[in-house]
C-alpha atoms as a PDB file:
ATOM      1  CA  MET A   1     -18.809  31.075   7.581  1.00  0.00           C
ATOM      2  CA  SER A   2     -17.044  29.639  10.633  1.00  0.00           C
ATOM      3  CA  ASP A   3     -13.265  29.442  10.969  1.00  0.00           C
ATOM      4  CA  THR A   4     -13.469  25.668  10.540  1.00  0.00           C
ATOM      5  CA  GLU A   5     -15.066  26.220   7.135  1.00  0.00           C
ATOM      6  CA  ARG A   6     -12.284  28.489   5.888  1.00  0.00           C
ATOM      7  CA  ARG A   7      -9.635  26.751   3.792  1.00  0.00           C
ATOM      8  CA  ALA A   8      -6.892  27.964   1.504  1.00  0.00           C
ATOM      9  CA  PRO A   9      -8.157  28.634  -2.049  1.00  0.00           C
ATOM     10  CA  ALA A  10      -6.048  25.816  -3.496  1.00  0.00           C
ATOM     11  CA  THR A  11      -7.568  23.384  -1.008  1.00  0.00           C
ATOM     12  CA  ALA A  12     -11.089  24.667  -1.676  1.00  0.00           C
ATOM     13  CA  SER A  13     -10.657  24.310  -5.449  1.00  0.00           C
ATOM     14  CA  GLU A  14      -9.238  20.784  -5.061  1.00  0.00           C
ATOM     15  CA  PHE A  15     -12.185  19.855  -2.853  1.00  0.00           C
ATOM     16  CA  GLY A  16     -14.548  21.306  -5.443  1.00  0.00           C
ATOM     17  CA  ARG A  17     -12.948  19.245  -8.194  1.00  0.00           C
ATOM     18  CA  VAL A  18     -13.287  16.029  -6.175  1.00  0.00           C
ATOM     19  CA  LEU A  19     -16.864  16.820  -5.112  1.00  0.00           C
ATOM     20  CA  THR A  20     -17.882  17.541  -8.716  1.00  0.00           C
ATOM     21  CA  LYS A  21     -16.302  14.278  -9.871  1.00  0.00           C
ATOM     22  CA  LEU A  22     -18.016  12.208  -7.162  1.00  0.00           C
ATOM     23  CA  ARG A  23     -21.383  13.883  -7.665  1.00  0.00           C
ATOM     24  CA  GLY A  24     -21.128  13.099 -11.384  1.00  0.00           C
ATOM     25  CA  GLN A  25     -20.155   9.480 -10.740  1.00  0.00           C
ATOM     26  CA  HIS A  26     -23.174   9.098  -8.470  1.00  0.00           C
ATOM     27  CA  ARG A  27     -25.396  10.814 -11.070  1.00  0.00           C
ATOM     28  CA  LEU A  28     -26.691  13.511  -8.739  1.00  0.00           C
ATOM     29  CA  LYS A  29     -27.603  17.058  -9.694  1.00  0.00           C
ATOM     30  CA  GLN A  30     -26.430  19.885  -7.444  1.00  0.00           C
ATOM     31  CA  GLN A  31     -30.043  20.495  -6.414  1.00  0.00           C
ATOM     32  CA  ASP A  32     -30.546  16.845  -5.428  1.00  0.00           C
ATOM     33  CA  LEU A  33     -27.349  16.730  -3.379  1.00  0.00           C
ATOM     34  CA  ALA A  34     -28.213  20.019  -1.690  1.00  0.00           C
ATOM     35  CA  LYS A  35     -31.657  18.733  -0.759  1.00  0.00           C
ATOM     36  CA  GLN A  36     -30.205  15.533   0.731  1.00  0.00           C
ATOM     37  CA  ILE A  37     -27.966  17.493   3.102  1.00  0.00           C
ATOM     38  CA  GLY A  38     -30.420  20.287   3.841  1.00  0.00           C
ATOM     39  CA  ARG A  39     -28.423  23.013   2.098  1.00  0.00           C
ATOM     40  CA  SER A  40     -29.033  25.279  -0.864  1.00  0.00           C
ATOM     41  CA  LYS A  41     -28.007  24.544  -4.449  1.00  0.00           C
ATOM     42  CA  SER A  42     -25.828  27.673  -4.291  1.00  0.00           C
ATOM     43  CA  THR A  43     -23.877  26.113  -1.399  1.00  0.00           C
ATOM     44  CA  ILE A  44     -23.036  23.084  -3.551  1.00  0.00           C
ATOM     45  CA  SER A  45     -22.187  25.371  -6.466  1.00  0.00           C
ATOM     46  CA  ARG A  46     -19.842  27.481  -4.307  1.00  0.00           C
ATOM     47  CA  LEU A  47     -18.195  24.347  -2.890  1.00  0.00           C
ATOM     48  CA  GLU A  48     -17.608  22.940  -6.367  1.00  0.00           C
ATOM     49  CA  SER A  49     -16.248  26.213  -7.725  1.00  0.00           C
ATOM     50  CA  GLY A  50     -13.863  26.588  -4.781  1.00  0.00           C
ATOM     51  CA  GLU A  51     -15.554  29.775  -3.560  1.00  0.00           C
ATOM     52  CA  ARG A  52     -16.413  28.246  -0.209  1.00  0.00           C
ATOM     53  CA  GLY A  53     -14.363  26.291   2.291  1.00  0.00           C
ATOM     54  CA  VAL A  54     -15.603  23.173   4.002  1.00  0.00           C
ATOM     55  CA  SER A  55     -15.793  21.803   7.547  1.00  0.00           C
ATOM     56  CA  ARG A  56     -15.334  18.199   8.640  1.00  0.00           C
ATOM     57  CA  GLU A  57     -19.042  18.052   9.460  1.00  0.00           C
ATOM     58  CA  LEU A  58     -19.989  19.159   5.952  1.00  0.00           C
ATOM     59  CA  VAL A  59     -17.580  16.667   4.362  1.00  0.00           C
ATOM     60  CA  ASP A  60     -19.221  13.904   6.407  1.00  0.00           C
ATOM     61  CA  GLU A  61     -22.709  15.051   5.352  1.00  0.00           C
ATOM     62  CA  LEU A  62     -21.678  15.090   1.691  1.00  0.00           C
ATOM     63  CA  ALA A  63     -20.003  11.680   1.932  1.00  0.00           C
ATOM     64  CA  GLU A  64     -23.152  10.206   3.505  1.00  0.00           C
ATOM     65  CA  ALA A  65     -25.409  11.728   0.851  1.00  0.00           C
ATOM     66  CA  LEU A  66     -23.146  10.479  -1.943  1.00  0.00           C
ATOM     67  CA  VAL A  67     -22.960   7.010  -0.350  1.00  0.00           C
ATOM     68  CA  THR A  68     -19.199   7.074  -0.808  1.00  0.00           C
ATOM     69  CA  THR A  69     -16.782   4.206  -0.489  1.00  0.00           C
ATOM     70  CA  THR A  70     -14.040   4.461   2.119  1.00  0.00           C
ATOM     71  CA  ALA A  71     -11.567   5.464  -0.600  1.00  0.00           C
ATOM     72  CA  GLU A  72     -13.892   8.213  -1.859  1.00  0.00           C
ATOM     73  CA  ARG A  73     -14.447   9.535   1.674  1.00  0.00           C
ATOM     74  CA  LEU A  74     -10.682   9.647   2.231  1.00  0.00           C
ATOM     75  CA  GLU A  75     -10.273  11.469  -1.086  1.00  0.00           C
ATOM     76  CA  LEU A  76     -12.843  14.078   0.005  1.00  0.00           C
ATOM     77  CA  LEU A  77     -11.188  14.524   3.411  1.00  0.00           C
ATOM     78  CA  GLN A  78      -7.739  14.877   1.863  1.00  0.00           C
ATOM     79  CA  ALA A  79      -8.964  17.332  -0.780  1.00  0.00           C
ATOM     80  CA  ALA A  80     -10.570  19.393   1.995  1.00  0.00           C
ATOM     81  CA  GLY A  81      -7.201  19.598   3.752  1.00  0.00           C
ATOM     82  CA  LEU A  82      -8.491  17.582   6.696  1.00  0.00           C
ATOM     83  CA  LEU A  83      -6.158  14.597   6.209  1.00  0.00           C
ATOM     84  CA  SER A  84      -2.506  14.551   5.246  1.00  0.00           C
ATOM     85  CA  GLU A  85      -1.188  12.309   2.477  1.00  0.00           C
ATOM     86  CA  GLU A  86       0.651  10.315   5.138  1.00  0.00           C
ATOM     87  CA  THR A  87      -2.554   9.720   7.089  1.00  0.00           C
ATOM     88  CA  VAL A  88      -4.425   8.645   3.961  1.00  0.00           C
ATOM     89  CA  ALA A  89      -1.618   6.225   3.077  1.00  0.00           C
ATOM     90  CA  LEU A  90      -1.782   4.721   6.561  1.00  0.00           C
ATOM     91  CA  LEU A  91      -5.560   4.392   6.439  1.00  0.00           C
ATOM     92  CA  GLU A  92      -5.309   2.604   3.099  1.00  0.00           C
ATOM     93  CA  GLU A  93      -3.035  -0.095   4.570  1.00  0.00           C
ATOM     94  CA  PRO A  94      -5.335  -3.036   5.370  1.00  0.00           C
ATOM     95  CA  GLU A  95      -2.989  -4.437   8.021  1.00  0.00           C
ATOM     96  CA  LEU A  96      -2.840  -1.132   9.889  1.00  0.00           C
ATOM     97  CA  THR A  97      -6.600  -0.778   9.707  1.00  0.00           C
ATOM     98  CA  ARG A  98      -7.037  -4.280  11.119  1.00  0.00           C
ATOM     99  CA  LEU A  99      -4.511  -3.576  13.867  1.00  0.00           C
ATOM    100  CA  SER A 100      -6.238  -0.318  14.776  1.00  0.00           C
ATOM    101  CA  ARG A 101      -9.611  -2.057  14.975  1.00  0.00           C
ATOM    102  CA  LEU A 102      -8.137  -4.808  17.124  1.00  0.00           C
ATOM    103  CA  LEU A 103      -6.523  -2.347  19.545  1.00  0.00           C
ATOM    104  CA  SER A 104      -9.799  -0.385  19.739  1.00  0.00           C
ATOM    105  CA  GLN A 105     -11.954  -3.346  20.729  1.00  0.00           C
ATOM    106  CA  ALA A 106     -13.694  -2.780  24.046  1.00  0.00           C
ATOM    107  CA  ASN A 107     -13.297  -6.439  25.017  1.00  0.00           C
ATOM    108  CA  LEU A 108      -9.508  -6.479  24.510  1.00  0.00           C
ATOM    109  CA  LEU A 109      -7.935  -7.293  27.846  1.00  0.00           C
ATOM    110  CA  PRO A 110      -5.394  -4.717  29.082  1.00  0.00           C
ATOM    111  CA  ARG A 111      -2.620  -7.335  29.319  1.00  0.00           C
ATOM    112  CA  ASP A 112      -3.319  -8.471  25.734  1.00  0.00           C
ATOM    113  CA  ARG A 113      -3.275  -4.861  24.539  1.00  0.00           C
ATOM    114  CA  ARG A 114       0.090  -4.305  26.262  1.00  0.00           C
ATOM    115  CA  LEU A 115       1.434  -7.499  24.685  1.00  0.00           C
ATOM    116  CA  LEU A 116       0.313  -6.453  21.196  1.00  0.00           C
ATOM    117  CA  LEU A 117       1.849  -3.003  21.667  1.00  0.00           C
ATOM    118  CA  ARG A 118       5.083  -4.667  22.803  1.00  0.00           C
ATOM    119  CA  TYR A 119       5.137  -6.676  19.558  1.00  0.00           C
ATOM    120  CA  ILE A 120       4.813  -3.412  17.656  1.00  0.00           C
ATOM    121  CA  GLU A 121       7.715  -1.944  19.654  1.00  0.00           C
ATOM    122  CA  LEU A 122       9.805  -5.031  18.828  1.00  0.00           C
ATOM    123  CA  ALA A 123       8.996  -4.655  15.123  1.00  0.00           C
ATOM    124  CA  LEU A 124      10.100  -1.003  15.273  1.00  0.00           C
ATOM    125  CA  GLU A 125      13.307  -1.965  17.088  1.00  0.00           C
ATOM    126  CA  HIS A 126      13.980  -4.598  14.427  1.00  0.00           C
ATOM    127  CA  ALA A 127      13.431  -2.037  11.657  1.00  0.00           C
ATOM    128  CA  ALA A 128      15.860   0.332  13.415  1.00  0.00           C
ATOM    129  CA  ALA A 129      18.422  -2.473  13.679  1.00  0.00           C
ATOM    130  CA  LEU A 130      18.084  -2.962   9.921  1.00  0.00           C
ATOM    131  CA  GLY A 131      19.006   0.697   9.475  1.00  0.00           C
ATOM    132  CA  TYR A 132      15.596   2.283   8.946  1.00  0.00           C
ATOM    133  CA  VAL A 133      14.945   5.663  10.531  1.00  0.00           C
ATOM    134  CA  ILE A 134      12.116   5.398  13.042  1.00  0.00           C
ATOM    135  CA  PRO A 135      10.484   8.777  13.747  1.00  0.00           C
ATOM    136  CA  ALA A 136       9.883   9.727  17.358  1.00  0.00           C
ATOM    137  CA  PRO A 137       6.315   9.419  18.663  1.00  0.00           C
ATOM    138  CA  TRP A 138       4.073  12.419  18.138  1.00  0.00           C
ATOM    139  CA  PRO A 139       3.059  14.042  20.289  1.00  0.00           C
ATOM    140  CA  PRO A 140       6.164  13.411  22.387  1.00  0.00           C
ATOM    141  CA  GLU A 141       5.558  11.166  25.366  1.00  0.00           C
ATOM    142  CA  ASP A 142       5.859  12.615  28.888  1.00  0.00           C
ATOM    143  CA  GLY A 143       9.477  13.387  29.648  1.00  0.00           C
ATOM    144  CA  ASP A 144      10.474  13.672  25.974  1.00  0.00           C
ATOM    145  CA  SER A 145      11.281  17.079  24.545  1.00  0.00           C
END
């Protein structure tokens, strides 16, 4: 087992619980799921019992085989310890998802991207003026310590 497949027992057992639940909802037997991802039934059994950790690649394979929704995929990733609660909460915000997709568009002109980012900075400044604590960027930008 690679280092990326080693997870704390609590994380492995949580992942196993979620995987078992999703497999049941999708009416798949362990053998059928194993066959779909090219693994053994014992691998699925060990994942579900928390005896084996999981890698990002394996989570993606399982999510594909289970034909998961976005919410189910996020639940699997979080249970595997690959996403923090904060990240999941952000990914579940439709406005932030739309903004991320917009900023990632290949055809977005650099000046338009800068303008949109400036609007975000202004919104953060406004929130700070209202008294909200605005965490520093992470990782720190060049020159910040």
